[in-house]
Amino acid sequence: MLALQADAYRRYRHASFVRLVVASVLLISSTVIWCLPMVSSFTLPESAQVIASWIGLALSVAGMAVAIWGTATLFRRYGELSAANGTVER
């Protein structure tokens, strides 16, 4: 998914693709942080697990917000291009 988004940005140079890449990185990071205590070979103290959970939650919320923002700008741009080409009425 990251490769598709990065390639789309490289080809079209629209900011919505950068936002979608950032959202994907944030959400992947949150997943890694949340899973780290479960897959690590050593036991983390409870306080570290709580901190990891809060960091994961913050990254998830930020990722979802950026994903919605990126998707909205992508749809808006598509609508503008469609209207300019006469394929869709406004």
Protein backbone atom coordinates (compact mmCIF):
# COMPACT_ATOMS: atom_id res chain seq x y z
CA MET A 1 0.00 0.00 0.00
CA LEU A 2 2.81 2.40 0.86
CA ALA A 3 4.49 1.71 -2.45
CA LEU A 4 1.24 2.40 -4.35
CA GLN A 5 0.70 5.65 -2.49
CA ALA A 6 4.29 6.80 -2.93
CA ASP A 7 4.20 5.93 -6.63
CA ALA A 8 0.94 7.83 -7.05
CA TYR A 9 2.54 10.88 -5.42
CA ARG A 10 5.59 10.56 -7.66
CA ARG A 11 3.37 10.42 -10.75
CA TYR A 12 0.71 13.01 -9.87
CA ARG A 13 2.37 15.26 -7.27
CA HIS A 14 -0.83 15.76 -5.28
CA ALA A 15 -0.61 16.40 -1.53
CA SER A 16 -3.38 13.91 -0.74
CA PHE A 17 -1.01 11.04 -1.53
CA VAL A 18 1.56 12.40 0.94
CA ARG A 19 -1.15 12.53 3.59
CA LEU A 20 -2.12 8.94 2.84
CA VAL A 21 1.53 7.82 3.11
CA VAL A 22 1.88 9.62 6.44
CA ALA A 23 -1.37 8.04 7.68
CA SER A 24 -0.18 4.58 6.68
CA VAL A 25 3.16 5.06 8.44
CA LEU A 26 1.41 6.27 11.59
CA LEU A 27 -0.99 3.32 11.60
CA ILE A 28 1.76 0.78 10.92
CA SER A 29 3.81 2.32 13.73
CA SER A 30 0.88 2.12 16.14
CA THR A 31 0.38 -1.54 15.30
CA VAL A 32 4.06 -2.30 15.90
CA ILE A 33 4.06 -0.44 19.22
CA TRP A 34 0.89 -2.20 20.38
CA CYS A 35 2.21 -5.63 19.41
CA LEU A 36 5.72 -5.12 20.74
CA PRO A 37 4.95 -6.13 24.34
CA MET A 38 3.23 -9.31 23.11
CA VAL A 39 6.02 -10.52 20.83
CA SER A 40 9.11 -9.31 22.69
CA SER A 41 11.42 -11.94 24.17
CA PHE A 42 11.56 -10.05 27.46
CA THR A 43 8.77 -8.93 29.75
CA LEU A 44 8.19 -5.21 29.86
CA PRO A 45 7.21 -3.60 33.15
CA GLU A 46 3.55 -2.80 33.44
CA SER A 47 4.24 0.93 33.30
CA ALA A 48 6.07 0.51 29.97
CA GLN A 49 3.15 -1.52 28.60
CA VAL A 50 0.73 1.24 29.62
CA ILE A 51 2.93 3.89 27.99
CA ALA A 52 3.18 1.78 24.82
CA SER A 53 -0.60 1.46 24.76
CA TRP A 54 -1.09 5.22 25.07
CA ILE A 55 1.51 5.92 22.38
CA GLY A 56 -0.15 3.35 20.12
CA LEU A 57 -3.54 4.94 20.73
CA ALA A 58 -2.21 8.42 19.96
CA LEU A 59 -0.57 7.20 16.74
CA SER A 60 -3.78 5.42 15.72
CA VAL A 61 -5.96 8.47 16.28
CA ALA A 62 -3.49 10.69 14.42
CA GLY A 63 -3.26 8.14 11.59
CA MET A 64 -7.02 7.92 11.22
CA ALA A 65 -7.38 11.71 11.19
CA VAL A 66 -4.68 12.11 8.54
CA ALA A 67 -6.19 9.24 6.51
CA ILE A 68 -9.60 10.92 6.49
CA TRP A 69 -8.01 14.25 5.55
CA GLY A 70 -6.01 12.65 2.73
CA THR A 71 -8.99 10.74 1.40
CA ALA A 72 -11.20 13.84 1.49
CA THR A 73 -8.63 15.90 -0.42
CA LEU A 74 -8.16 13.11 -2.94
CA PHE A 75 -11.92 12.85 -3.57
CA ARG A 76 -12.21 16.64 -3.78
CA ARG A 77 -9.41 16.77 -6.35
CA TYR A 78 -10.98 13.94 -8.35
CA GLY A 79 -14.26 15.85 -8.38
CA GLU A 80 -12.51 18.99 -9.59
CA LEU A 81 -10.77 17.09 -12.38
CA SER A 82 -13.98 15.36 -13.40
CA ALA A 83 -15.87 18.64 -13.48
CA ALA A 84 -13.10 20.29 -15.52
CA ASN A 85 -13.21 17.45 -18.05
CA GLY A 86 -17.00 17.63 -18.28
CA THR A 87 -17.48 14.03 -17.11
CA VAL A 88 -19.45 14.98 -13.98
CA GLU A 89 -21.86 17.81 -13.32
CA ARG A 90 -21.43 19.85 -10.19
